[in-house]
């Protein structure tokens, strides 16, 4: 006699970078990012100025809102864990275990996989979770994600007649490409897919938010690309980011906008996804596809008895 085994109780752990809780959280946050080495007094002062300029980073709260919306869409428990700030990935994994979750979908809230960035999320999750685990290694080419980006771009272009779109993502140390990482290729593939289904003006891709670490970072840099283009009206679409945070609210909305004013051209950006319904729909499709793919090779779970 055969009987079907029940499906394990499944949940999702949505993982993001995290953000400091108030100004007093800036020093411990960046100390964690730096592997326990506190930032210099000068660097800390500059960081505080940046956070003050934008009223703090809403990333952690937005991640929680995304998790709540995704849970409602999937009708499945969704937990939020951060890489560098409370609640940490390990905290969220413990919460999932306490809730009786047996199988966990690890979902980084970043579309483009790079071992240096998303690989660290997975390492933290594997260390914290000993049950069944499904890992989503990005979703840069998922049709639902591409359609959602296209919606943001189309909305922006109805309000602003840009001559060129600059897609952007967070720069990483250039040595990742020598090691064979396909981060840039994934980003360019997303851009091409978005452009293929729309009547877009010219577009190009640039990196942003490179750190000053004494080693080369991936380029071209956004500000350099904007200066070289010599346009009157440009639109930035931060395709590598899914929520408002310092790299959006300061690096684009303050720094890049000031650069545009100084150089005599108009610059706008697309809205961030945050918890917009089309993005939550895309995440739900990504999770469903990952769960279905993990079950497909085995077919139905069957227990002999």
C-alpha atoms as a PDB file:
ATOM      1  CA  UNK A   1       0.000   0.000   0.000  1.00  0.00           C
ATOM      2  CA  UNK A   2       1.238   3.506  -0.830  1.00  0.00           C
ATOM      3  CA  UNK A   3       0.139   6.750   0.667  1.00  0.00           C
ATOM      4  CA  UNK A   4       1.104  10.279  -0.177  1.00  0.00           C
ATOM      5  CA  UNK A   5       3.328  12.011   2.330  1.00  0.00           C
ATOM      6  CA  UNK A   6       1.997  15.410   3.356  1.00  0.00           C
ATOM      7  CA  UNK A   7       3.882  18.379   1.976  1.00  0.00           C
ATOM      8  CA  UNK A   8       6.211  19.895   4.563  1.00  0.00           C
ATOM      9  CA  UNK A   9       4.995  23.108   6.177  1.00  0.00           C
ATOM     10  CA  UNK A  10       6.672  25.715   4.002  1.00  0.00           C
ATOM     11  CA  UNK A  11       7.638  29.308   4.697  1.00  0.00           C
ATOM     12  CA  UNK A  12       9.711  32.015   3.042  1.00  0.00           C
ATOM     13  CA  UNK A  13      12.641  33.915   4.512  1.00  0.00           C
ATOM     14  CA  UNK A  14      12.942  37.247   2.695  1.00  0.00           C
ATOM     15  CA  UNK A  15      16.510  38.506   3.098  1.00  0.00           C
ATOM     16  CA  UNK A  16      17.752  42.077   2.699  1.00  0.00           C
ATOM     17  CA  UNK A  17      20.898  44.031   3.507  1.00  0.00           C
ATOM     18  CA  UNK A  18      19.417  45.828   6.509  1.00  0.00           C
ATOM     19  CA  UNK A  19      19.673  49.413   7.692  1.00  0.00           C
ATOM     20  CA  UNK A  20      20.603  51.134  10.962  1.00  0.00           C
ATOM     21  CA  UNK A  21      17.848  51.751  13.490  1.00  0.00           C
ATOM     22  CA  UNK A  22      18.232  55.467  14.073  1.00  0.00           C
ATOM     23  CA  UNK A  23      21.441  57.475  14.260  1.00  0.00           C
ATOM     24  CA  UNK A  24      22.707  55.516  17.252  1.00  0.00           C
ATOM     25  CA  UNK A  25      22.605  52.367  15.127  1.00  0.00           C
ATOM     26  CA  UNK A  26      24.913  53.683  12.397  1.00  0.00           C
ATOM     27  CA  UNK A  27      28.207  52.785  14.124  1.00  0.00           C
ATOM     28  CA  UNK A  28      27.272  49.169  15.001  1.00  0.00           C
ATOM     29  CA  UNK A  29      25.718  48.688  11.561  1.00  0.00           C
ATOM     30  CA  UNK A  30      28.874  49.685   9.692  1.00  0.00           C
ATOM     31  CA  UNK A  31      31.049  47.825  12.188  1.00  0.00           C
ATOM     32  CA  UNK A  32      29.089  44.678  11.305  1.00  0.00           C
ATOM     33  CA  UNK A  33      29.483  45.356   7.572  1.00  0.00           C
ATOM     34  CA  UNK A  34      33.248  45.743   8.099  1.00  0.00           C
ATOM     35  CA  UNK A  35      33.566  42.391   9.868  1.00  0.00           C
ATOM     36  CA  UNK A  36      33.898  43.869  13.360  1.00  0.00           C
ATOM     37  CA  UNK A  37      36.204  46.770  12.441  1.00  0.00           C
ATOM     38  CA  UNK A  38      34.637  50.115  13.432  1.00  0.00           C
ATOM     39  CA  UNK A  39      34.642  52.863  10.792  1.00  0.00           C
ATOM     40  CA  UNK A  40      36.951  55.810  11.353  1.00  0.00           C
ATOM     41  CA  UNK A  41      35.594  58.911  13.067  1.00  0.00           C
ATOM     42  CA  UNK A  42      35.755  60.768   9.746  1.00  0.00           C
ATOM     43  CA  UNK A  43      33.863  58.049   7.874  1.00  0.00           C
ATOM     44  CA  UNK A  44      31.269  57.836  10.634  1.00  0.00           C
ATOM     45  CA  UNK A  45      30.693  61.597  10.532  1.00  0.00           C
ATOM     46  CA  UNK A  46      30.166  61.460   6.763  1.00  0.00           C
ATOM     47  CA  UNK A  47      27.741  58.547   7.091  1.00  0.00           C
ATOM     48  CA  UNK A  48      25.741  60.385   9.742  1.00  0.00           C
ATOM     49  CA  UNK A  49      25.495  63.414   7.454  1.00  0.00           C
ATOM     50  CA  UNK A  50      24.167  61.256   4.637  1.00  0.00           C
ATOM     51  CA  UNK A  51      21.536  59.590   6.798  1.00  0.00           C
ATOM     52  CA  UNK A  52      20.461  62.960   8.212  1.00  0.00           C
ATOM     53  CA  UNK A  53      20.112  64.349   4.693  1.00  0.00           C
ATOM     54  CA  UNK A  54      17.498  61.711   3.817  1.00  0.00           C
ATOM     55  CA  UNK A  55      15.874  61.315   7.232  1.00  0.00           C
ATOM     56  CA  UNK A  56      17.333  57.839   7.793  1.00  0.00           C
ATOM     57  CA  UNK A  57      17.033  54.663   5.752  1.00  0.00           C
ATOM     58  CA  UNK A  58      13.606  52.980   5.603  1.00  0.00           C
ATOM     59  CA  UNK A  59      14.980  49.695   4.217  1.00  0.00           C
ATOM     60  CA  UNK A  60      14.272  47.448   7.213  1.00  0.00           C
ATOM     61  CA  UNK A  61      10.689  48.683   7.541  1.00  0.00           C
ATOM     62  CA  UNK A  62      10.132  48.356   3.798  1.00  0.00           C
ATOM     63  CA  UNK A  63      11.475  44.788   3.907  1.00  0.00           C
ATOM     64  CA  UNK A  64       8.987  43.968   6.664  1.00  0.00           C
ATOM     65  CA  UNK A  65       6.188  45.487   4.570  1.00  0.00           C
ATOM     66  CA  UNK A  66       7.285  43.440   1.553  1.00  0.00           C
ATOM     67  CA  UNK A  67       7.270  40.295   3.702  1.00  0.00           C
ATOM     68  CA  UNK A  68       3.755  41.012   4.998  1.00  0.00           C
ATOM     69  CA  UNK A  69       2.430  41.663   1.501  1.00  0.00           C
ATOM     70  CA  UNK A  70       4.108  38.529   0.127  1.00  0.00           C
ATOM     71  CA  UNK A  71       2.662  36.416   2.951  1.00  0.00           C
ATOM     72  CA  UNK A  72      -0.824  37.659   2.087  1.00  0.00           C
ATOM     73  CA  UNK A  73      -0.290  36.992  -1.626  1.00  0.00           C
ATOM     74  CA  UNK A  74       1.115  33.480  -1.125  1.00  0.00           C
ATOM     75  CA  UNK A  75      -1.073  32.607   1.877  1.00  0.00           C
ATOM     76  CA  UNK A  76       2.153  31.326   3.409  1.00  0.00           C
ATOM     77  CA  UNK A  77       4.289  32.501   6.353  1.00  0.00           C
ATOM     78  CA  UNK A  78       7.008  34.952   5.299  1.00  0.00           C
ATOM     79  CA  UNK A  79       9.781  36.055   7.659  1.00  0.00           C
ATOM     80  CA  UNK A  80      12.177  38.980   7.203  1.00  0.00           C
ATOM     81  CA  UNK A  81      15.884  38.697   8.028  1.00  0.00           C
ATOM     82  CA  UNK A  82      18.725  41.156   7.471  1.00  0.00           C
ATOM     83  CA  UNK A  83      22.363  40.561   6.623  1.00  0.00           C
ATOM     84  CA  UNK A  84      23.806  43.385   8.722  1.00  0.00           C
ATOM     85  CA  UNK A  85      21.098  44.583  11.146  1.00  0.00           C
ATOM     86  CA  UNK A  86      18.384  43.200  13.423  1.00  0.00           C
ATOM     87  CA  UNK A  87      16.401  41.131  12.827  1.00  0.00           C
ATOM     88  CA  UNK A  88      19.318  39.111  11.449  1.00  0.00           C
ATOM     89  CA  UNK A  89      18.874  36.168   9.085  1.00  0.00           C
ATOM     90  CA  UNK A  90      19.557  33.802  11.997  1.00  0.00           C
ATOM     91  CA  UNK A  91      16.833  35.535  14.040  1.00  0.00           C
ATOM     92  CA  UNK A  92      14.310  35.076  11.238  1.00  0.00           C
ATOM     93  CA  UNK A  93      15.295  31.417  10.799  1.00  0.00           C
ATOM     94  CA  UNK A  94      14.733  30.828  14.521  1.00  0.00           C
ATOM     95  CA  UNK A  95      11.338  32.528  14.244  1.00  0.00           C
ATOM     96  CA  UNK A  96      10.430  30.246  11.339  1.00  0.00           C
ATOM     97  CA  UNK A  97      11.483  27.164  13.294  1.00  0.00           C
ATOM     98  CA  UNK A  98       9.414  28.270  16.300  1.00  0.00           C
ATOM     99  CA  UNK A  99       6.418  28.689  13.973  1.00  0.00           C
ATOM    100  CA  UNK A 100       6.688  25.047  12.912  1.00  0.00           C
ATOM    101  CA  UNK A 101       8.168  25.641   9.459  1.00  0.00           C
ATOM    102  CA  UNK A 102       9.828  22.520   8.037  1.00  0.00           C
ATOM    103  CA  UNK A 103      10.846  23.737   4.579  1.00  0.00           C
ATOM    104  CA  UNK A 104      12.176  27.244   4.043  1.00  0.00           C
ATOM    105  CA  UNK A 105      12.520  29.211   0.813  1.00  0.00           C
ATOM    106  CA  UNK A 106      15.517  31.554   1.038  1.00  0.00           C
ATOM    107  CA  UNK A 107      14.579  34.622  -1.011  1.00  0.00           C
ATOM    108  CA  UNK A 108      17.154  37.435  -1.257  1.00  0.00           C
ATOM    109  CA  UNK A 109      15.404  40.679  -2.131  1.00  0.00           C
ATOM    110  CA  UNK A 110      17.955  41.373  -4.850  1.00  0.00           C
ATOM    111  CA  UNK A 111      17.364  40.279  -8.442  1.00  0.00           C
ATOM    112  CA  UNK A 112      20.958  39.785  -9.619  1.00  0.00           C
ATOM    113  CA  UNK A 113      23.110  37.047  -8.132  1.00  0.00           C
ATOM    114  CA  UNK A 114      26.737  37.717  -7.248  1.00  0.00           C
ATOM    115  CA  UNK A 115      28.644  35.339  -5.018  1.00  0.00           C
ATOM    116  CA  UNK A 116      30.183  38.211  -3.037  1.00  0.00           C
ATOM    117  CA  UNK A 117      26.790  39.668  -2.141  1.00  0.00           C
ATOM    118  CA  UNK A 118      24.019  37.067  -2.266  1.00  0.00           C
ATOM    119  CA  UNK A 119      26.357  34.186  -1.525  1.00  0.00           C
ATOM    120  CA  UNK A 120      26.836  35.643   1.955  1.00  0.00           C
ATOM    121  CA  UNK A 121      23.061  35.619   2.529  1.00  0.00           C
ATOM    122  CA  UNK A 122      22.934  31.928   1.710  1.00  0.00           C
ATOM    123  CA  UNK A 123      25.924  31.140   3.918  1.00  0.00           C
ATOM    124  CA  UNK A 124      24.217  32.824   6.872  1.00  0.00           C
ATOM    125  CA  UNK A 125      20.980  30.971   6.176  1.00  0.00           C
ATOM    126  CA  UNK A 126      22.649  27.565   5.838  1.00  0.00           C
ATOM    127  CA  UNK A 127      24.386  28.127   9.160  1.00  0.00           C
ATOM    128  CA  UNK A 128      21.094  29.002  10.862  1.00  0.00           C
ATOM    129  CA  UNK A 129      18.763  26.452   9.263  1.00  0.00           C
ATOM    130  CA  UNK A 130      19.096  22.663   9.330  1.00  0.00           C
ATOM    131  CA  UNK A 131      15.753  21.780   7.736  1.00  0.00           C
ATOM    132  CA  UNK A 132      14.750  21.524   4.078  1.00  0.00           C
ATOM    133  CA  UNK A 133      15.962  24.566   2.190  1.00  0.00           C
ATOM    134  CA  UNK A 134      15.164  26.002  -1.240  1.00  0.00           C
ATOM    135  CA  UNK A 135      17.467  28.824  -2.343  1.00  0.00           C
ATOM    136  CA  UNK A 136      16.420  31.416  -4.922  1.00  0.00           C
ATOM    137  CA  UNK A 137      19.612  32.463  -6.707  1.00  0.00           C
ATOM    138  CA  UNK A 138      18.244  35.730  -8.034  1.00  0.00           C
ATOM    139  CA  UNK A 139      15.413  36.404 -10.467  1.00  0.00           C
ATOM    140  CA  UNK A 140      16.969  38.836 -12.929  1.00  0.00           C
ATOM    141  CA  UNK A 141      15.337  37.259 -15.992  1.00  0.00           C
ATOM    142  CA  UNK A 142      12.000  36.181 -14.512  1.00  0.00           C
ATOM    143  CA  UNK A 143       9.209  37.444 -16.793  1.00  0.00           C
ATOM    144  CA  UNK A 144       7.193  38.825 -13.870  1.00  0.00           C
ATOM    145  CA  UNK A 145      10.169  40.844 -12.612  1.00  0.00           C
ATOM    146  CA  UNK A 146      10.924  42.173 -16.096  1.00  0.00           C
ATOM    147  CA  UNK A 147       7.277  43.185 -16.551  1.00  0.00           C
ATOM    148  CA  UNK A 148       7.303  44.969 -13.190  1.00  0.00           C
ATOM    149  CA  UNK A 149      10.435  46.955 -14.102  1.00  0.00           C
ATOM    150  CA  UNK A 150       8.880  47.838 -17.436  1.00  0.00           C
ATOM    151  CA  UNK A 151       5.852  49.245 -15.591  1.00  0.00           C
ATOM    152  CA  UNK A 152       8.096  51.544 -13.532  1.00  0.00           C
ATOM    153  CA  UNK A 153       9.896  52.765 -16.639  1.00  0.00           C
ATOM    154  CA  UNK A 154       6.703  53.315 -18.622  1.00  0.00           C
ATOM    155  CA  UNK A 155       5.162  55.270 -15.735  1.00  0.00           C
ATOM    156  CA  UNK A 156       8.214  57.516 -15.517  1.00  0.00           C
ATOM    157  CA  UNK A 157       8.296  58.131 -19.265  1.00  0.00           C
ATOM    158  CA  UNK A 158       4.669  59.272 -19.283  1.00  0.00           C
ATOM    159  CA  UNK A 159       5.688  62.095 -16.914  1.00  0.00           C
ATOM    160  CA  UNK A 160       9.168  62.853 -18.234  1.00  0.00           C
ATOM    161  CA  UNK A 161      10.451  62.785 -21.808  1.00  0.00           C
ATOM    162  CA  UNK A 162      13.940  61.397 -21.273  1.00  0.00           C
ATOM    163  CA  UNK A 163      16.505  61.240 -24.047  1.00  0.00           C
ATOM    164  CA  UNK A 164      18.201  58.231 -22.472  1.00  0.00           C
ATOM    165  CA  UNK A 165      17.630  55.767 -19.638  1.00  0.00           C
ATOM    166  CA  UNK A 166      20.486  54.846 -17.327  1.00  0.00           C
ATOM    167  CA  UNK A 167      19.912  51.488 -15.649  1.00  0.00           C
ATOM    168  CA  UNK A 168      22.011  51.181 -12.485  1.00  0.00           C
ATOM    169  CA  UNK A 169      23.032  48.683  -9.821  1.00  0.00           C
ATOM    170  CA  UNK A 170      25.414  48.626  -6.875  1.00  0.00           C
ATOM    171  CA  UNK A 171      29.042  48.348  -7.898  1.00  0.00           C
ATOM    172  CA  UNK A 172      31.208  45.565  -6.469  1.00  0.00           C
ATOM    173  CA  UNK A 173      34.995  45.077  -6.416  1.00  0.00           C
ATOM    174  CA  UNK A 174      36.255  44.454  -9.954  1.00  0.00           C
ATOM    175  CA  UNK A 175      38.060  41.280  -8.875  1.00  0.00           C
ATOM    176  CA  UNK A 176      34.744  39.378  -8.956  1.00  0.00           C
ATOM    177  CA  UNK A 177      34.908  39.375 -12.755  1.00  0.00           C
ATOM    178  CA  UNK A 178      38.421  37.930 -12.749  1.00  0.00           C
ATOM    179  CA  UNK A 179      36.965  35.133 -10.624  1.00  0.00           C
ATOM    180  CA  UNK A 180      34.292  34.461 -13.262  1.00  0.00           C
ATOM    181  CA  UNK A 181      31.274  36.048 -11.575  1.00  0.00           C
ATOM    182  CA  UNK A 182      28.491  36.834 -14.084  1.00  0.00           C
ATOM    183  CA  UNK A 183      26.993  39.736 -12.099  1.00  0.00           C
ATOM    184  CA  UNK A 184      27.444  42.260 -14.926  1.00  0.00           C
ATOM    185  CA  UNK A 185      26.055  39.817 -17.507  1.00  0.00           C
ATOM    186  CA  UNK A 186      22.925  39.259 -15.423  1.00  0.00           C
ATOM    187  CA  UNK A 187      22.402  42.995 -15.076  1.00  0.00           C
ATOM    188  CA  UNK A 188      22.790  43.600 -18.806  1.00  0.00           C
ATOM    189  CA  UNK A 189      20.415  40.740 -19.571  1.00  0.00           C
ATOM    190  CA  UNK A 190      17.749  42.363 -17.380  1.00  0.00           C
ATOM    191  CA  UNK A 191      18.225  45.688 -19.169  1.00  0.00           C
ATOM    192  CA  UNK A 192      17.938  44.096 -22.598  1.00  0.00           C
ATOM    193  CA  UNK A 193      14.790  42.204 -21.608  1.00  0.00           C
ATOM    194  CA  UNK A 194      13.131  45.352 -20.254  1.00  0.00           C
ATOM    195  CA  UNK A 195      14.049  47.315 -23.371  1.00  0.00           C
ATOM    196  CA  UNK A 196      12.916  44.541 -25.725  1.00  0.00           C
ATOM    197  CA  UNK A 197       9.274  44.848 -24.709  1.00  0.00           C
ATOM    198  CA  UNK A 198       8.999  48.626 -24.625  1.00  0.00           C
ATOM    199  CA  UNK A 199       9.320  51.624 -26.887  1.00  0.00           C
ATOM    200  CA  UNK A 200      12.207  53.001 -24.864  1.00  0.00           C
ATOM    201  CA  UNK A 201      14.558  55.806 -25.794  1.00  0.00           C
ATOM    202  CA  UNK A 202      18.263  55.003 -25.860  1.00  0.00           C
ATOM    203  CA  UNK A 203      19.573  53.218 -22.787  1.00  0.00           C
ATOM    204  CA  UNK A 204      22.862  52.338 -21.173  1.00  0.00           C
ATOM    205  CA  UNK A 205      23.990  50.661 -17.984  1.00  0.00           C
ATOM    206  CA  UNK A 206      26.189  52.107 -15.241  1.00  0.00           C
ATOM    207  CA  UNK A 207      27.206  51.147 -11.726  1.00  0.00           C
ATOM    208  CA  UNK A 208      26.708  53.333  -8.678  1.00  0.00           C
ATOM    209  CA  UNK A 209      27.610  53.580  -4.994  1.00  0.00           C
ATOM    210  CA  UNK A 210      31.144  52.158  -5.231  1.00  0.00           C
ATOM    211  CA  UNK A 211      33.006  52.149  -1.923  1.00  0.00           C
ATOM    212  CA  UNK A 212      36.438  53.712  -1.428  1.00  0.00           C
ATOM    213  CA  UNK A 213      38.413  50.650  -0.403  1.00  0.00           C
ATOM    214  CA  UNK A 214      41.685  51.182  -2.245  1.00  0.00           C
ATOM    215  CA  UNK A 215      40.910  48.613  -4.951  1.00  0.00           C
ATOM    216  CA  UNK A 216      39.171  48.995  -8.340  1.00  0.00           C
ATOM    217  CA  UNK A 217      35.379  48.662  -8.427  1.00  0.00           C
ATOM    218  CA  UNK A 218      33.164  47.837 -11.380  1.00  0.00           C
ATOM    219  CA  UNK A 219      32.399  50.662 -13.793  1.00  0.00           C
ATOM    220  CA  UNK A 220      31.377  52.732 -15.585  1.00  0.00           C
ATOM    221  CA  UNK A 221      30.231  54.944 -12.734  1.00  0.00           C
ATOM    222  CA  UNK A 222      26.843  56.647 -13.109  1.00  0.00           C
ATOM    223  CA  UNK A 223      28.126  60.201 -12.684  1.00  0.00           C
ATOM    224  CA  UNK A 224      30.897  59.629 -15.221  1.00  0.00           C
ATOM    225  CA  UNK A 225      28.387  58.159 -17.676  1.00  0.00           C
ATOM    226  CA  UNK A 226      26.031  61.109 -17.218  1.00  0.00           C
ATOM    227  CA  UNK A 227      28.849  63.618 -17.768  1.00  0.00           C
ATOM    228  CA  UNK A 228      30.019  61.824 -20.900  1.00  0.00           C
ATOM    229  CA  UNK A 229      26.500  61.624 -22.389  1.00  0.00           C
ATOM    230  CA  UNK A 230      25.914  65.418 -22.425  1.00  0.00           C
ATOM    231  CA  UNK A 231      22.123  65.117 -22.411  1.00  0.00           C
ATOM    232  CA  UNK A 232      19.380  67.583 -21.546  1.00  0.00           C
ATOM    233  CA  UNK A 233      17.030  65.041 -19.916  1.00  0.00           C
ATOM    234  CA  UNK A 234      18.018  61.676 -18.440  1.00  0.00           C
ATOM    235  CA  UNK A 235      16.119  59.041 -16.476  1.00  0.00           C
ATOM    236  CA  UNK A 236      17.753  56.718 -13.940  1.00  0.00           C
ATOM    237  CA  UNK A 237      16.226  53.289 -13.325  1.00  0.00           C
ATOM    238  CA  UNK A 238      18.032  51.539 -10.413  1.00  0.00           C
ATOM    239  CA  UNK A 239      17.266  48.062 -11.741  1.00  0.00           C
ATOM    240  CA  UNK A 240      19.522  46.376  -9.183  1.00  0.00           C
ATOM    241  CA  UNK A 241      17.520  47.675  -6.194  1.00  0.00           C
ATOM    242  CA  UNK A 242      13.992  46.807  -5.070  1.00  0.00           C
ATOM    243  CA  UNK A 243      13.444  49.299  -2.220  1.00  0.00           C
ATOM    244  CA  UNK A 244      14.283  52.797  -1.063  1.00  0.00           C
ATOM    245  CA  UNK A 245      17.480  52.990   0.982  1.00  0.00           C
ATOM    246  CA  UNK A 246      20.611  55.139   1.227  1.00  0.00           C
ATOM    247  CA  UNK A 247      21.909  54.244  -2.241  1.00  0.00           C
ATOM    248  CA  UNK A 248      18.636  55.469  -3.752  1.00  0.00           C
ATOM    249  CA  UNK A 249      17.675  58.323  -1.452  1.00  0.00           C
ATOM    250  CA  UNK A 250      21.155  59.841  -1.166  1.00  0.00           C
ATOM    251  CA  UNK A 251      23.358  58.562  -3.995  1.00  0.00           C
ATOM    252  CA  UNK A 252      20.697  59.274  -6.638  1.00  0.00           C
ATOM    253  CA  UNK A 253      18.157  61.687  -5.130  1.00  0.00           C
ATOM    254  CA  UNK A 254      20.757  63.953  -3.498  1.00  0.00           C
ATOM    255  CA  UNK A 255      24.174  63.393  -5.062  1.00  0.00           C
ATOM    256  CA  UNK A 256      23.241  62.574  -8.673  1.00  0.00           C
ATOM    257  CA  UNK A 257      20.483  65.203  -8.759  1.00  0.00           C
ATOM    258  CA  UNK A 258      22.944  67.855  -7.523  1.00  0.00           C
ATOM    259  CA  UNK A 259      25.418  66.719 -10.185  1.00  0.00           C
ATOM    260  CA  UNK A 260      22.718  67.178 -12.840  1.00  0.00           C
ATOM    261  CA  UNK A 261      21.904  70.697 -11.668  1.00  0.00           C
ATOM    262  CA  UNK A 262      25.582  71.645 -11.650  1.00  0.00           C
ATOM    263  CA  UNK A 263      25.991  70.370 -15.212  1.00  0.00           C
ATOM    264  CA  UNK A 264      22.813  71.941 -16.573  1.00  0.00           C
ATOM    265  CA  UNK A 265      20.607  68.952 -17.334  1.00  0.00           C
ATOM    266  CA  UNK A 266      17.419  67.477 -15.884  1.00  0.00           C
ATOM    267  CA  UNK A 267      17.561  64.118 -14.118  1.00  0.00           C
ATOM    268  CA  UNK A 268      14.698  61.984 -12.806  1.00  0.00           C
ATOM    269  CA  UNK A 269      14.463  58.418 -11.561  1.00  0.00           C
ATOM    270  CA  UNK A 270      11.864  55.682 -11.614  1.00  0.00           C
ATOM    271  CA  UNK A 271       9.951  54.931  -8.440  1.00  0.00           C
ATOM    272  CA  UNK A 272      11.222  52.130  -6.216  1.00  0.00           C
ATOM    273  CA  UNK A 273       9.201  48.944  -5.965  1.00  0.00           C
ATOM    274  CA  UNK A 274       8.953  48.890  -2.176  1.00  0.00           C
ATOM    275  CA  UNK A 275       5.677  46.978  -1.603  1.00  0.00           C
ATOM    276  CA  UNK A 276       4.006  47.827  -4.925  1.00  0.00           C
ATOM    277  CA  UNK A 277       1.537  45.095  -5.966  1.00  0.00           C
ATOM    278  CA  UNK A 278       3.253  44.237  -9.254  1.00  0.00           C
ATOM    279  CA  UNK A 279       6.526  43.573  -7.435  1.00  0.00           C
ATOM    280  CA  UNK A 280       4.834  41.463  -4.774  1.00  0.00           C
ATOM    281  CA  UNK A 281       3.155  39.525  -7.589  1.00  0.00           C
ATOM    282  CA  UNK A 282       6.588  38.987  -9.155  1.00  0.00           C
ATOM    283  CA  UNK A 283       8.078  37.741  -5.880  1.00  0.00           C
ATOM    284  CA  UNK A 284       5.135  35.374  -5.433  1.00  0.00           C
ATOM    285  CA  UNK A 285       5.710  33.965  -8.924  1.00  0.00           C
ATOM    286  CA  UNK A 286       9.428  33.528  -8.185  1.00  0.00           C
ATOM    287  CA  UNK A 287       8.684  31.649  -4.951  1.00  0.00           C
ATOM    288  CA  UNK A 288       6.054  29.408  -6.550  1.00  0.00           C
ATOM    289  CA  UNK A 289       8.410  28.547  -9.404  1.00  0.00           C
ATOM    290  CA  UNK A 290      11.220  27.730  -6.967  1.00  0.00           C
ATOM    291  CA  UNK A 291       8.999  25.457  -4.865  1.00  0.00           C
ATOM    292  CA  UNK A 292       7.614  23.701  -7.944  1.00  0.00           C
ATOM    293  CA  UNK A 293      11.091  23.220  -9.418  1.00  0.00           C
ATOM    294  CA  UNK A 294      12.378  21.719  -6.175  1.00  0.00           C
ATOM    295  CA  UNK A 295       9.571  19.150  -6.184  1.00  0.00           C
ATOM    296  CA  UNK A 296       9.619  18.302  -9.880  1.00  0.00           C
ATOM    297  CA  UNK A 297      12.469  15.741 -10.013  1.00  0.00           C
ATOM    298  CA  UNK A 298      10.946  13.608  -7.258  1.00  0.00           C
ATOM    299  CA  UNK A 299       7.318  13.992  -8.330  1.00  0.00           C
ATOM    300  CA  UNK A 300       4.779  13.381  -5.572  1.00  0.00           C
ATOM    301  CA  UNK A 301       6.241  12.585  -2.173  1.00  0.00           C
ATOM    302  CA  UNK A 302       5.387   8.964  -1.536  1.00  0.00           C
ATOM    303  CA  UNK A 303       6.004   6.929   1.612  1.00  0.00           C
ATOM    304  CA  UNK A 304       5.837   3.138   1.469  1.00  0.00           C
ATOM    305  CA  UNK A 305       3.769   1.498   4.199  1.00  0.00           C
END
